[in-house]
């Protein structure tokens, strides 16, 4: 039985007294109507559910992932709104800007944090000398947690400038390393273990050592947070780094990886046709369906060692 299934059966938080149909969380002083989730930490809320199985029905608590909007302002002007899991918002903003080719490295960011008016669910970025291009005429950045930037009018608006030289790993990545990355990532996915509702992007060095892992309800947000973490730490681009994704691979995720100079992508799920095409064009290796001792190489086969 998976960890998150155990949580659904048993719950992790000690149940306090039930008062008038409300949920009382022991040790917090919080009484909450059972129809609405209550936040217990930035990424996790709990709610009452009805669990139905063959021949039985029971009322239990469940832990769910939190989803809230975040507005990204750049130099005082709103640029994008995304639905995300709260936490690491500064990293998300930095990674988003890098993933759209609007900044290219740490030197482009003069500051990042709360807005002057302390607006909730808003992060402000100050650039050193403006964005690398004006995105105003390209598209509006209204992102959902499920699909990232949607409704692009044409591919030329998507394929922003990529690094001139293909990233590629310094030496072929061994299959045993590819197979190990999803397992290492899963062990670090604390919020997923509790909720079963978050995607993850983990960044590894060429030897398979974990550098950073970030979780979010949006797979593109998880990658933005991971890349943004490295950028704000002064490390960007990321040659030789491998990204491990907990789900499928879309075009946008390959674009973000390519703009960060990442060597390749390892994913538990499948890539799309455009993701494969862009990986080939960008010189990334792309492995999908990495599970149960095997995987498929969709692009960059020469960057993956023999069996």
C-alpha atoms as a PDB file:
ATOM      1  CA  UNK A   1       0.000   0.000   0.000  1.00  0.00           C
ATOM      2  CA  UNK A   2       1.373   3.406  -1.015  1.00  0.00           C
ATOM      3  CA  UNK A   3       2.182   5.936   1.680  1.00  0.00           C
ATOM      4  CA  UNK A   4      -0.530   8.365   0.584  1.00  0.00           C
ATOM      5  CA  UNK A   5      -3.090   5.558   0.589  1.00  0.00           C
ATOM      6  CA  UNK A   6      -2.206   4.832   4.214  1.00  0.00           C
ATOM      7  CA  UNK A   7      -2.791   8.464   5.049  1.00  0.00           C
ATOM      8  CA  UNK A   8      -6.240   8.327   3.505  1.00  0.00           C
ATOM      9  CA  UNK A   9      -7.065   5.283   5.601  1.00  0.00           C
ATOM     10  CA  UNK A  10      -5.617   6.346   8.915  1.00  0.00           C
ATOM     11  CA  UNK A  11      -4.896  10.085   8.804  1.00  0.00           C
ATOM     12  CA  UNK A  12      -1.756  11.693  10.166  1.00  0.00           C
ATOM     13  CA  UNK A  13      -3.217  14.278  12.496  1.00  0.00           C
ATOM     14  CA  UNK A  14      -4.758  13.338  15.821  1.00  0.00           C
ATOM     15  CA  UNK A  15      -8.490  13.887  15.698  1.00  0.00           C
ATOM     16  CA  UNK A  16      -9.898  16.257  18.269  1.00  0.00           C
ATOM     17  CA  UNK A  17     -13.500  16.475  19.438  1.00  0.00           C
ATOM     18  CA  UNK A  18     -16.241  16.952  16.884  1.00  0.00           C
ATOM     19  CA  UNK A  19     -18.186  20.086  17.681  1.00  0.00           C
ATOM     20  CA  UNK A  20     -21.360  20.728  15.757  1.00  0.00           C
ATOM     21  CA  UNK A  21     -20.163  18.932  12.634  1.00  0.00           C
ATOM     22  CA  UNK A  22     -16.887  20.897  12.610  1.00  0.00           C
ATOM     23  CA  UNK A  23     -13.364  19.588  12.456  1.00  0.00           C
ATOM     24  CA  UNK A  24     -11.315  20.470  15.537  1.00  0.00           C
ATOM     25  CA  UNK A  25      -7.564  19.959  15.055  1.00  0.00           C
ATOM     26  CA  UNK A  26      -5.998  19.034  18.341  1.00  0.00           C
ATOM     27  CA  UNK A  27      -3.144  21.271  19.394  1.00  0.00           C
ATOM     28  CA  UNK A  28      -4.026  24.057  16.937  1.00  0.00           C
ATOM     29  CA  UNK A  29      -7.158  25.586  18.407  1.00  0.00           C
ATOM     30  CA  UNK A  30      -8.699  25.478  14.932  1.00  0.00           C
ATOM     31  CA  UNK A  31     -12.344  24.595  14.490  1.00  0.00           C
ATOM     32  CA  UNK A  32     -13.348  24.259  10.870  1.00  0.00           C
ATOM     33  CA  UNK A  33     -16.476  23.357   8.927  1.00  0.00           C
ATOM     34  CA  UNK A  34     -16.012  19.901   7.543  1.00  0.00           C
ATOM     35  CA  UNK A  35     -17.061  21.002   4.050  1.00  0.00           C
ATOM     36  CA  UNK A  36     -13.994  23.197   3.586  1.00  0.00           C
ATOM     37  CA  UNK A  37     -10.315  22.193   3.696  1.00  0.00           C
ATOM     38  CA  UNK A  38      -8.243  23.837   6.427  1.00  0.00           C
ATOM     39  CA  UNK A  39      -4.592  24.699   5.909  1.00  0.00           C
ATOM     40  CA  UNK A  40      -2.226  23.000   8.321  1.00  0.00           C
ATOM     41  CA  UNK A  41       1.007  24.049   6.606  1.00  0.00           C
ATOM     42  CA  UNK A  42       1.837  26.048   3.445  1.00  0.00           C
ATOM     43  CA  UNK A  43       1.522  23.097   1.048  1.00  0.00           C
ATOM     44  CA  UNK A  44      -1.018  20.870   2.811  1.00  0.00           C
ATOM     45  CA  UNK A  45      -4.635  21.158   3.971  1.00  0.00           C
ATOM     46  CA  UNK A  46      -6.929  18.602   5.546  1.00  0.00           C
ATOM     47  CA  UNK A  47     -10.559  17.963   4.824  1.00  0.00           C
ATOM     48  CA  UNK A  48     -13.271  15.449   5.593  1.00  0.00           C
ATOM     49  CA  UNK A  49     -14.065  12.952   2.857  1.00  0.00           C
ATOM     50  CA  UNK A  50     -16.399  10.017   2.381  1.00  0.00           C
ATOM     51  CA  UNK A  51     -14.363   6.943   1.472  1.00  0.00           C
ATOM     52  CA  UNK A  52     -16.418   4.409  -0.432  1.00  0.00           C
ATOM     53  CA  UNK A  53     -15.266   0.851  -0.959  1.00  0.00           C
ATOM     54  CA  UNK A  54     -17.112  -2.292  -1.913  1.00  0.00           C
ATOM     55  CA  UNK A  55     -19.651  -2.899   0.810  1.00  0.00           C
ATOM     56  CA  UNK A  56     -18.498  -0.050   3.060  1.00  0.00           C
ATOM     57  CA  UNK A  57     -18.504   3.714   3.474  1.00  0.00           C
ATOM     58  CA  UNK A  58     -16.641   5.745   6.089  1.00  0.00           C
ATOM     59  CA  UNK A  59     -16.025   9.367   6.950  1.00  0.00           C
ATOM     60  CA  UNK A  60     -12.326  10.106   7.367  1.00  0.00           C
ATOM     61  CA  UNK A  61      -9.830  12.911   7.065  1.00  0.00           C
ATOM     62  CA  UNK A  62      -7.677  13.374   4.001  1.00  0.00           C
ATOM     63  CA  UNK A  63      -4.647  15.545   3.357  1.00  0.00           C
ATOM     64  CA  UNK A  64      -4.792  17.513   0.106  1.00  0.00           C
ATOM     65  CA  UNK A  65      -2.401  19.750  -1.798  1.00  0.00           C
ATOM     66  CA  UNK A  66      -3.030  23.495  -1.611  1.00  0.00           C
ATOM     67  CA  UNK A  67      -3.568  25.467  -4.801  1.00  0.00           C
ATOM     68  CA  UNK A  68      -3.635  29.282  -4.819  1.00  0.00           C
ATOM     69  CA  UNK A  69      -2.946  32.030  -7.382  1.00  0.00           C
ATOM     70  CA  UNK A  70       0.340  33.898  -7.543  1.00  0.00           C
ATOM     71  CA  UNK A  71       0.845  37.164  -9.375  1.00  0.00           C
ATOM     72  CA  UNK A  72       4.356  37.859 -10.653  1.00  0.00           C
ATOM     73  CA  UNK A  73       5.254  41.532 -10.965  1.00  0.00           C
ATOM     74  CA  UNK A  74       8.370  42.720 -12.742  1.00  0.00           C
ATOM     75  CA  UNK A  75       9.711  46.206 -12.118  1.00  0.00           C
ATOM     76  CA  UNK A  76       6.381  47.227 -10.627  1.00  0.00           C
ATOM     77  CA  UNK A  77       4.171  45.909 -13.426  1.00  0.00           C
ATOM     78  CA  UNK A  78       2.060  42.718 -13.411  1.00  0.00           C
ATOM     79  CA  UNK A  79       3.431  40.132 -15.831  1.00  0.00           C
ATOM     80  CA  UNK A  80       1.856  36.764 -15.064  1.00  0.00           C
ATOM     81  CA  UNK A  81      -0.634  34.956 -12.864  1.00  0.00           C
ATOM     82  CA  UNK A  82      -0.148  31.277 -12.149  1.00  0.00           C
ATOM     83  CA  UNK A  83      -1.962  28.727 -10.026  1.00  0.00           C
ATOM     84  CA  UNK A  84       0.592  27.141  -7.730  1.00  0.00           C
ATOM     85  CA  UNK A  85       1.249  25.455  -4.401  1.00  0.00           C
ATOM     86  CA  UNK A  86       2.472  28.156  -1.972  1.00  0.00           C
ATOM     87  CA  UNK A  87       6.132  28.112  -1.023  1.00  0.00           C
ATOM     88  CA  UNK A  88       9.357  28.970  -2.834  1.00  0.00           C
ATOM     89  CA  UNK A  89       7.523  31.768  -4.655  1.00  0.00           C
ATOM     90  CA  UNK A  90      10.716  33.732  -5.308  1.00  0.00           C
ATOM     91  CA  UNK A  91      12.242  30.672  -6.952  1.00  0.00           C
ATOM     92  CA  UNK A  92       9.105  30.184  -9.018  1.00  0.00           C
ATOM     93  CA  UNK A  93       9.236  33.751 -10.301  1.00  0.00           C
ATOM     94  CA  UNK A  94      12.936  33.568 -11.159  1.00  0.00           C
ATOM     95  CA  UNK A  95      12.565  30.198 -12.845  1.00  0.00           C
ATOM     96  CA  UNK A  96       9.535  31.351 -14.812  1.00  0.00           C
ATOM     97  CA  UNK A  97      11.388  34.381 -16.172  1.00  0.00           C
ATOM     98  CA  UNK A  98      14.392  32.249 -17.111  1.00  0.00           C
ATOM     99  CA  UNK A  99      12.163  29.601 -18.680  1.00  0.00           C
ATOM    100  CA  UNK A 100      10.559  32.201 -20.932  1.00  0.00           C
ATOM    101  CA  UNK A 101      13.907  33.670 -21.966  1.00  0.00           C
ATOM    102  CA  UNK A 102      13.101  36.960 -20.239  1.00  0.00           C
ATOM    103  CA  UNK A 103      16.242  36.747 -18.098  1.00  0.00           C
ATOM    104  CA  UNK A 104      19.340  34.679 -18.746  1.00  0.00           C
ATOM    105  CA  UNK A 105      21.094  34.465 -15.403  1.00  0.00           C
ATOM    106  CA  UNK A 106      21.563  35.714 -11.834  1.00  0.00           C
ATOM    107  CA  UNK A 107      22.999  39.041 -12.985  1.00  0.00           C
ATOM    108  CA  UNK A 108      19.636  39.998 -14.485  1.00  0.00           C
ATOM    109  CA  UNK A 109      17.914  39.903 -11.072  1.00  0.00           C
ATOM    110  CA  UNK A 110      18.498  42.898  -8.799  1.00  0.00           C
ATOM    111  CA  UNK A 111      16.042  41.792  -6.142  1.00  0.00           C
ATOM    112  CA  UNK A 112      13.056  39.571  -5.533  1.00  0.00           C
ATOM    113  CA  UNK A 113      10.551  39.293  -2.686  1.00  0.00           C
ATOM    114  CA  UNK A 114       7.414  40.885  -1.287  1.00  0.00           C
ATOM    115  CA  UNK A 115       5.769  43.851  -2.958  1.00  0.00           C
ATOM    116  CA  UNK A 116       5.932  47.285  -1.361  1.00  0.00           C
ATOM    117  CA  UNK A 117       2.242  47.086  -0.478  1.00  0.00           C
ATOM    118  CA  UNK A 118       2.741  43.573   0.970  1.00  0.00           C
ATOM    119  CA  UNK A 119       0.033  42.202  -1.329  1.00  0.00           C
ATOM    120  CA  UNK A 120      -0.919  38.610  -0.627  1.00  0.00           C
ATOM    121  CA  UNK A 121      -0.047  35.938  -3.186  1.00  0.00           C
ATOM    122  CA  UNK A 122       2.192  38.343  -5.073  1.00  0.00           C
ATOM    123  CA  UNK A 123       5.921  38.317  -5.691  1.00  0.00           C
ATOM    124  CA  UNK A 124       7.906  41.269  -7.033  1.00  0.00           C
ATOM    125  CA  UNK A 125      11.019  41.007  -9.188  1.00  0.00           C
ATOM    126  CA  UNK A 126      13.393  43.907  -9.755  1.00  0.00           C
ATOM    127  CA  UNK A 127      15.606  43.490 -12.778  1.00  0.00           C
ATOM    128  CA  UNK A 128      19.084  44.925 -13.185  1.00  0.00           C
ATOM    129  CA  UNK A 129      18.293  46.578 -16.529  1.00  0.00           C
ATOM    130  CA  UNK A 130      14.893  45.371 -17.678  1.00  0.00           C
ATOM    131  CA  UNK A 131      13.790  42.136 -19.294  1.00  0.00           C
ATOM    132  CA  UNK A 132      15.713  40.760 -22.245  1.00  0.00           C
ATOM    133  CA  UNK A 133      12.690  41.409 -24.448  1.00  0.00           C
ATOM    134  CA  UNK A 134       9.215  42.891 -24.082  1.00  0.00           C
ATOM    135  CA  UNK A 135       6.663  40.076 -23.948  1.00  0.00           C
ATOM    136  CA  UNK A 136       3.672  42.427 -24.040  1.00  0.00           C
ATOM    137  CA  UNK A 137       2.829  41.785 -27.679  1.00  0.00           C
ATOM    138  CA  UNK A 138       3.447  38.045 -27.595  1.00  0.00           C
ATOM    139  CA  UNK A 139       0.841  36.604 -25.246  1.00  0.00           C
ATOM    140  CA  UNK A 140      -0.749  37.095 -21.883  1.00  0.00           C
ATOM    141  CA  UNK A 141       0.730  34.913 -19.168  1.00  0.00           C
ATOM    142  CA  UNK A 142      -2.296  33.368 -17.477  1.00  0.00           C
ATOM    143  CA  UNK A 143      -1.168  29.940 -16.354  1.00  0.00           C
ATOM    144  CA  UNK A 144      -3.156  27.054 -14.970  1.00  0.00           C
ATOM    145  CA  UNK A 145      -1.599  24.513 -12.656  1.00  0.00           C
ATOM    146  CA  UNK A 146      -2.261  21.726 -15.145  1.00  0.00           C
ATOM    147  CA  UNK A 147      -0.836  22.913 -18.428  1.00  0.00           C
ATOM    148  CA  UNK A 148       1.401  25.919 -18.007  1.00  0.00           C
ATOM    149  CA  UNK A 149       1.302  28.649 -20.634  1.00  0.00           C
ATOM    150  CA  UNK A 150      -1.566  27.739 -22.940  1.00  0.00           C
ATOM    151  CA  UNK A 151      -3.127  29.099 -26.093  1.00  0.00           C
ATOM    152  CA  UNK A 152       0.071  30.031 -27.919  1.00  0.00           C
ATOM    153  CA  UNK A 153      -0.768  31.529 -31.290  1.00  0.00           C
ATOM    154  CA  UNK A 154       2.280  30.181 -33.099  1.00  0.00           C
ATOM    155  CA  UNK A 155       5.363  28.130 -32.391  1.00  0.00           C
ATOM    156  CA  UNK A 156       7.621  31.094 -33.121  1.00  0.00           C
ATOM    157  CA  UNK A 157       6.208  32.677 -29.961  1.00  0.00           C
ATOM    158  CA  UNK A 158       7.209  29.616 -27.997  1.00  0.00           C
ATOM    159  CA  UNK A 159      10.614  28.700 -29.322  1.00  0.00           C
ATOM    160  CA  UNK A 160      12.479  31.556 -27.745  1.00  0.00           C
ATOM    161  CA  UNK A 161      16.233  31.785 -28.167  1.00  0.00           C
ATOM    162  CA  UNK A 162      17.968  28.603 -27.021  1.00  0.00           C
ATOM    163  CA  UNK A 163      21.654  28.209 -26.090  1.00  0.00           C
ATOM    164  CA  UNK A 164      23.830  28.267 -29.208  1.00  0.00           C
ATOM    165  CA  UNK A 165      25.664  25.062 -28.315  1.00  0.00           C
ATOM    166  CA  UNK A 166      23.802  21.884 -27.334  1.00  0.00           C
ATOM    167  CA  UNK A 167      24.208  21.221 -23.595  1.00  0.00           C
ATOM    168  CA  UNK A 168      24.815  17.473 -23.535  1.00  0.00           C
ATOM    169  CA  UNK A 169      26.360  15.620 -20.602  1.00  0.00           C
ATOM    170  CA  UNK A 170      30.179  15.597 -20.245  1.00  0.00           C
ATOM    171  CA  UNK A 171      30.048  11.839 -20.777  1.00  0.00           C
ATOM    172  CA  UNK A 172      27.241   9.361 -21.499  1.00  0.00           C
ATOM    173  CA  UNK A 173      24.852   8.819 -18.594  1.00  0.00           C
ATOM    174  CA  UNK A 174      24.790   5.200 -17.477  1.00  0.00           C
ATOM    175  CA  UNK A 175      21.437   3.365 -17.552  1.00  0.00           C
ATOM    176  CA  UNK A 176      21.758   2.494 -13.871  1.00  0.00           C
ATOM    177  CA  UNK A 177      21.903   6.217 -13.075  1.00  0.00           C
ATOM    178  CA  UNK A 178      18.836   6.916 -15.221  1.00  0.00           C
ATOM    179  CA  UNK A 179      16.898   4.167 -13.432  1.00  0.00           C
ATOM    180  CA  UNK A 180      17.925   5.402  -9.995  1.00  0.00           C
ATOM    181  CA  UNK A 181      16.831   9.024 -10.392  1.00  0.00           C
ATOM    182  CA  UNK A 182      13.035   8.535 -10.070  1.00  0.00           C
ATOM    183  CA  UNK A 183      13.556   6.442  -6.934  1.00  0.00           C
ATOM    184  CA  UNK A 184      15.786   9.107  -5.390  1.00  0.00           C
ATOM    185  CA  UNK A 185      13.264  11.782  -6.318  1.00  0.00           C
ATOM    186  CA  UNK A 186      10.303   9.921  -4.864  1.00  0.00           C
ATOM    187  CA  UNK A 187      12.043   9.515  -1.520  1.00  0.00           C
ATOM    188  CA  UNK A 188      12.408  13.297  -1.303  1.00  0.00           C
ATOM    189  CA  UNK A 189       8.770  14.087  -2.218  1.00  0.00           C
ATOM    190  CA  UNK A 190       7.464  14.746   1.274  1.00  0.00           C
ATOM    191  CA  UNK A 191       4.284  16.603   0.307  1.00  0.00           C
ATOM    192  CA  UNK A 192       3.373  14.042  -2.350  1.00  0.00           C
ATOM    193  CA  UNK A 193       3.729  11.282   0.224  1.00  0.00           C
ATOM    194  CA  UNK A 194       1.100  13.061   2.310  1.00  0.00           C
ATOM    195  CA  UNK A 195      -1.312  14.199  -0.403  1.00  0.00           C
ATOM    196  CA  UNK A 196      -0.696  12.200  -3.575  1.00  0.00           C
ATOM    197  CA  UNK A 197      -1.410  15.442  -5.428  1.00  0.00           C
ATOM    198  CA  UNK A 198       1.877  17.141  -6.312  1.00  0.00           C
ATOM    199  CA  UNK A 199       4.273  16.957  -9.238  1.00  0.00           C
ATOM    200  CA  UNK A 200       8.024  17.172  -8.711  1.00  0.00           C
ATOM    201  CA  UNK A 201      11.159  18.209 -10.556  1.00  0.00           C
ATOM    202  CA  UNK A 202      14.496  17.101  -9.160  1.00  0.00           C
ATOM    203  CA  UNK A 203      17.846  18.281 -10.470  1.00  0.00           C
ATOM    204  CA  UNK A 204      20.832  15.935 -10.273  1.00  0.00           C
ATOM    205  CA  UNK A 205      24.479  16.310 -11.163  1.00  0.00           C
ATOM    206  CA  UNK A 206      26.032  13.999 -13.745  1.00  0.00           C
ATOM    207  CA  UNK A 207      26.912  11.459 -11.030  1.00  0.00           C
ATOM    208  CA  UNK A 208      23.297  11.209  -9.897  1.00  0.00           C
ATOM    209  CA  UNK A 209      23.649  13.299  -6.723  1.00  0.00           C
ATOM    210  CA  UNK A 210      20.516  15.268  -5.830  1.00  0.00           C
ATOM    211  CA  UNK A 211      20.987  19.040  -6.048  1.00  0.00           C
ATOM    212  CA  UNK A 212      17.436  20.261  -5.422  1.00  0.00           C
ATOM    213  CA  UNK A 213      13.853  18.986  -5.552  1.00  0.00           C
ATOM    214  CA  UNK A 214      10.717  21.069  -5.683  1.00  0.00           C
ATOM    215  CA  UNK A 215       7.036  20.036  -5.590  1.00  0.00           C
ATOM    216  CA  UNK A 216       3.961  21.830  -6.900  1.00  0.00           C
ATOM    217  CA  UNK A 217       0.462  21.143  -8.194  1.00  0.00           C
ATOM    218  CA  UNK A 218       1.762  22.327 -11.584  1.00  0.00           C
ATOM    219  CA  UNK A 219       4.519  20.319 -13.250  1.00  0.00           C
ATOM    220  CA  UNK A 220       5.820  23.465 -14.952  1.00  0.00           C
ATOM    221  CA  UNK A 221       5.842  25.287 -11.599  1.00  0.00           C
ATOM    222  CA  UNK A 222       7.873  22.492 -10.028  1.00  0.00           C
ATOM    223  CA  UNK A 223      10.496  22.883 -12.751  1.00  0.00           C
ATOM    224  CA  UNK A 224      10.478  26.676 -12.461  1.00  0.00           C
ATOM    225  CA  UNK A 225      11.036  26.391  -8.704  1.00  0.00           C
ATOM    226  CA  UNK A 226      13.905  23.929  -9.088  1.00  0.00           C
ATOM    227  CA  UNK A 227      15.658  25.962 -11.780  1.00  0.00           C
ATOM    228  CA  UNK A 228      14.897  29.211  -9.946  1.00  0.00           C
ATOM    229  CA  UNK A 229      16.472  27.798  -6.792  1.00  0.00           C
ATOM    230  CA  UNK A 230      19.723  27.236  -8.636  1.00  0.00           C
ATOM    231  CA  UNK A 231      19.554  30.615 -10.368  1.00  0.00           C
ATOM    232  CA  UNK A 232      19.046  32.524  -7.125  1.00  0.00           C
ATOM    233  CA  UNK A 233      21.957  30.590  -5.636  1.00  0.00           C
ATOM    234  CA  UNK A 234      24.123  31.978  -8.450  1.00  0.00           C
ATOM    235  CA  UNK A 235      24.211  28.862 -10.609  1.00  0.00           C
ATOM    236  CA  UNK A 236      22.736  29.276 -14.097  1.00  0.00           C
ATOM    237  CA  UNK A 237      23.002  27.929 -16.765  1.00  0.00           C
ATOM    238  CA  UNK A 238      23.202  24.301 -15.622  1.00  0.00           C
ATOM    239  CA  UNK A 239      25.484  22.285 -17.926  1.00  0.00           C
ATOM    240  CA  UNK A 240      25.772  18.618 -17.008  1.00  0.00           C
ATOM    241  CA  UNK A 241      22.653  18.743 -14.816  1.00  0.00           C
ATOM    242  CA  UNK A 242      19.869  16.200 -15.378  1.00  0.00           C
ATOM    243  CA  UNK A 243      16.215  16.947 -14.593  1.00  0.00           C
ATOM    244  CA  UNK A 244      13.993  14.157 -13.265  1.00  0.00           C
ATOM    245  CA  UNK A 245      10.245  14.675 -13.701  1.00  0.00           C
ATOM    246  CA  UNK A 246       7.520  12.832 -11.832  1.00  0.00           C
ATOM    247  CA  UNK A 247       5.086  12.731 -14.767  1.00  0.00           C
ATOM    248  CA  UNK A 248       4.809  13.321 -18.487  1.00  0.00           C
ATOM    249  CA  UNK A 249       7.036  15.660 -20.512  1.00  0.00           C
ATOM    250  CA  UNK A 250       5.444  18.501 -22.462  1.00  0.00           C
ATOM    251  CA  UNK A 251       6.957  20.978 -24.896  1.00  0.00           C
ATOM    252  CA  UNK A 252       7.111  23.721 -22.248  1.00  0.00           C
ATOM    253  CA  UNK A 253       9.164  21.571 -19.888  1.00  0.00           C
ATOM    254  CA  UNK A 254      11.747  20.785 -22.558  1.00  0.00           C
ATOM    255  CA  UNK A 255      11.889  24.479 -23.434  1.00  0.00           C
ATOM    256  CA  UNK A 256      12.557  25.420 -19.812  1.00  0.00           C
ATOM    257  CA  UNK A 257      15.243  22.737 -19.513  1.00  0.00           C
ATOM    258  CA  UNK A 258      16.908  23.796 -22.761  1.00  0.00           C
ATOM    259  CA  UNK A 259      16.989  27.462 -21.780  1.00  0.00           C
ATOM    260  CA  UNK A 260      18.619  26.476 -18.484  1.00  0.00           C
ATOM    261  CA  UNK A 261      21.323  24.554 -20.335  1.00  0.00           C
ATOM    262  CA  UNK A 262      20.258  21.253 -18.746  1.00  0.00           C
ATOM    263  CA  UNK A 263      21.847  18.159 -20.287  1.00  0.00           C
ATOM    264  CA  UNK A 264      18.803  15.907 -20.323  1.00  0.00           C
ATOM    265  CA  UNK A 265      15.442  14.898 -18.907  1.00  0.00           C
ATOM    266  CA  UNK A 266      14.468  11.649 -17.191  1.00  0.00           C
ATOM    267  CA  UNK A 267      10.728  11.179 -16.699  1.00  0.00           C
ATOM    268  CA  UNK A 268       8.409   8.625 -15.169  1.00  0.00           C
ATOM    269  CA  UNK A 269       5.797   9.369 -17.853  1.00  0.00           C
ATOM    270  CA  UNK A 270       5.696   9.833 -21.596  1.00  0.00           C
ATOM    271  CA  UNK A 271       6.867  12.797 -23.704  1.00  0.00           C
ATOM    272  CA  UNK A 272       4.757  14.499 -26.344  1.00  0.00           C
ATOM    273  CA  UNK A 273       5.718  14.700 -30.021  1.00  0.00           C
ATOM    274  CA  UNK A 274       6.739  18.365 -29.724  1.00  0.00           C
ATOM    275  CA  UNK A 275       8.756  17.623 -26.602  1.00  0.00           C
ATOM    276  CA  UNK A 276      10.749  14.999 -28.522  1.00  0.00           C
ATOM    277  CA  UNK A 277      11.229  17.345 -31.473  1.00  0.00           C
ATOM    278  CA  UNK A 278      12.518  20.199 -29.305  1.00  0.00           C
ATOM    279  CA  UNK A 279      14.790  17.878 -27.313  1.00  0.00           C
ATOM    280  CA  UNK A 280      16.419  16.728 -30.560  1.00  0.00           C
ATOM    281  CA  UNK A 281      16.803  20.316 -31.790  1.00  0.00           C
ATOM    282  CA  UNK A 282      18.253  21.443 -28.467  1.00  0.00           C
ATOM    283  CA  UNK A 283      20.697  18.578 -27.983  1.00  0.00           C
ATOM    284  CA  UNK A 284      19.038  17.204 -24.837  1.00  0.00           C
ATOM    285  CA  UNK A 285      18.686  13.526 -24.152  1.00  0.00           C
ATOM    286  CA  UNK A 286      15.145  12.550 -23.247  1.00  0.00           C
ATOM    287  CA  UNK A 287      14.168   9.359 -21.418  1.00  0.00           C
ATOM    288  CA  UNK A 288      10.586   8.415 -20.648  1.00  0.00           C
ATOM    289  CA  UNK A 289       8.689   5.614 -18.904  1.00  0.00           C
ATOM    290  CA  UNK A 290      11.615   5.203 -16.505  1.00  0.00           C
ATOM    291  CA  UNK A 291      10.248   2.525 -14.225  1.00  0.00           C
ATOM    292  CA  UNK A 292      10.551  -1.112 -13.212  1.00  0.00           C
ATOM    293  CA  UNK A 293      14.039  -1.607 -14.587  1.00  0.00           C
ATOM    294  CA  UNK A 294      13.584  -0.186 -18.090  1.00  0.00           C
ATOM    295  CA  UNK A 295      13.104   3.068 -19.991  1.00  0.00           C
ATOM    296  CA  UNK A 296      12.704   4.483 -23.485  1.00  0.00           C
ATOM    297  CA  UNK A 297      15.185   6.902 -25.060  1.00  0.00           C
ATOM    298  CA  UNK A 298      13.295   9.351 -27.274  1.00  0.00           C
ATOM    299  CA  UNK A 299      16.098  11.806 -28.083  1.00  0.00           C
ATOM    300  CA  UNK A 300      19.852  12.042 -27.654  1.00  0.00           C
ATOM    301  CA  UNK A 301      20.529   8.300 -27.614  1.00  0.00           C
ATOM    302  CA  UNK A 302      24.285   8.896 -27.898  1.00  0.00           C
ATOM    303  CA  UNK A 303      24.196  10.631 -24.498  1.00  0.00           C
ATOM    304  CA  UNK A 304      22.937   7.496 -22.767  1.00  0.00           C
ATOM    305  CA  UNK A 305      25.477   4.723 -22.203  1.00  0.00           C
ATOM    306  CA  UNK A 306      25.058   1.058 -23.036  1.00  0.00           C
ATOM    307  CA  UNK A 307      23.393  -1.566 -20.876  1.00  0.00           C
END
